[in-house]
Amino acid sequence: MKKLKIGSGFLLFIIGLYVAFQGYSTYTFSVRSYDGSMGVYKFGFFIPATDYHLHTTGVIFTCVGLVLIISTSYWMYLLLKKQKESLN
């Protein structure tokens, strides 16, 4: 059971890294469209290639990824701390 918790924590951490990276790549996407007819697909969403849309969704995806990374790291810290205390 403990291995399952550690494995799921590692998986959530990797997902957080992926979401944060996709947010960063959306935020720094270099192609712009004047009228929004051109865009990029991220996580099944069409994001028009205008400055506002790319920056907004890039920041949102990056923040969601960071929340996943930080919460998973804290959860794993508490889990490992609890395991260490139970051994003593």
Protein backbone atom coordinates (compact mmCIF):
# COMPACT_ATOMS: atom_id res chain seq x y z
CA MET A 1 0.00 0.00 0.00
CA LYS A 2 2.84 2.38 0.80
CA LYS A 3 4.47 1.76 -2.57
CA LEU A 4 1.18 2.65 -4.25
CA LYS A 5 1.05 5.99 -2.40
CA ILE A 6 4.64 6.81 -3.29
CA GLY A 7 4.07 5.76 -6.93
CA SER A 8 0.94 7.86 -7.25
CA GLY A 9 2.76 10.81 -5.69
CA PHE A 10 5.55 10.43 -8.23
CA LEU A 11 3.00 10.24 -11.05
CA LEU A 12 1.26 13.42 -9.85
CA PHE A 13 4.64 15.16 -9.66
CA ILE A 14 5.44 14.20 -13.27
CA ILE A 15 1.98 15.36 -14.41
CA GLY A 16 2.58 18.67 -12.62
CA LEU A 17 5.90 19.08 -14.41
CA TYR A 18 4.25 18.35 -17.76
CA VAL A 19 1.40 20.83 -17.17
CA ALA A 20 3.86 23.52 -16.02
CA PHE A 21 6.02 22.93 -19.10
CA GLN A 22 3.02 23.12 -21.43
CA GLY A 23 1.99 26.37 -19.73
CA TYR A 24 5.46 27.81 -20.21
CA SER A 25 5.56 26.74 -23.86
CA THR A 26 2.12 28.30 -24.41
CA TYR A 27 3.21 31.52 -22.70
CA THR A 28 6.34 31.78 -24.86
CA PHE A 29 4.67 30.68 -28.13
CA SER A 30 6.30 32.92 -30.73
CA VAL A 31 3.67 32.96 -33.51
CA ARG A 32 0.95 35.62 -33.20
CA SER A 33 -2.28 36.08 -35.11
CA TYR A 34 -3.95 39.46 -35.52
CA ASP A 35 -7.53 38.20 -35.58
CA GLY A 36 -7.14 34.94 -33.63
CA SER A 37 -7.87 32.70 -36.62
CA MET A 38 -4.60 30.86 -36.05
CA GLY A 39 -3.91 29.10 -32.78
CA VAL A 40 -2.54 26.16 -30.90
CA TYR A 41 -4.19 23.13 -29.28
CA LYS A 42 -3.18 22.41 -25.68
CA PHE A 43 -4.98 19.78 -23.58
CA GLY A 44 -7.84 19.66 -26.07
CA PHE A 45 -8.45 23.42 -26.02
CA PHE A 46 -8.01 25.67 -29.03
CA ILE A 47 -6.07 28.72 -27.88
CA PRO A 48 -6.12 31.63 -30.35
CA ALA A 49 -2.63 32.93 -31.05
CA THR A 50 -3.21 36.42 -29.69
CA ASP A 51 -1.10 37.92 -26.93
CA TYR A 52 -3.94 38.01 -24.41
CA HIS A 53 -5.08 34.42 -24.90
CA LEU A 54 -1.58 32.92 -24.99
CA HIS A 55 -0.41 34.80 -21.90
CA THR A 56 -3.57 34.11 -19.92
CA THR A 57 -3.73 30.37 -20.62
CA GLY A 58 0.05 30.03 -20.29
CA VAL A 59 -0.01 31.56 -16.82
CA ILE A 60 -3.03 29.46 -15.79
CA PHE A 61 -1.45 26.17 -16.96
CA THR A 62 1.85 27.08 -15.30
CA CYS A 63 0.13 27.90 -12.00
CA VAL A 64 -1.89 24.68 -12.07
CA GLY A 65 1.31 22.73 -12.73
CA LEU A 66 3.10 24.47 -9.87
CA VAL A 67 0.20 23.76 -7.51
CA LEU A 68 0.38 20.08 -8.47
CA ILE A 69 4.14 20.02 -7.93
CA ILE A 70 4.06 21.82 -4.58
CA SER A 71 1.07 19.95 -3.16
CA THR A 72 2.47 16.59 -4.22
CA SER A 73 5.86 17.40 -2.74
CA TYR A 74 4.28 18.44 0.54
CA TRP A 75 2.04 15.34 0.57
CA MET A 76 5.06 13.09 -0.01
CA TYR A 77 6.98 14.91 2.74
CA LEU A 78 4.16 14.26 5.21
CA LEU A 79 3.86 10.63 4.09
CA LEU A 80 7.57 9.97 4.50
CA LYS A 81 7.62 11.80 7.84
CA LYS A 82 4.74 9.61 9.07
CA GLN A 83 6.55 6.47 7.92
CA LYS A 84 9.75 7.56 9.68
CA GLU A 85 7.86 8.23 12.93
CA SER A 86 6.14 4.85 12.79
CA LEU A 87 9.53 3.10 12.55
CA ASN A 88 10.77 4.75 15.75
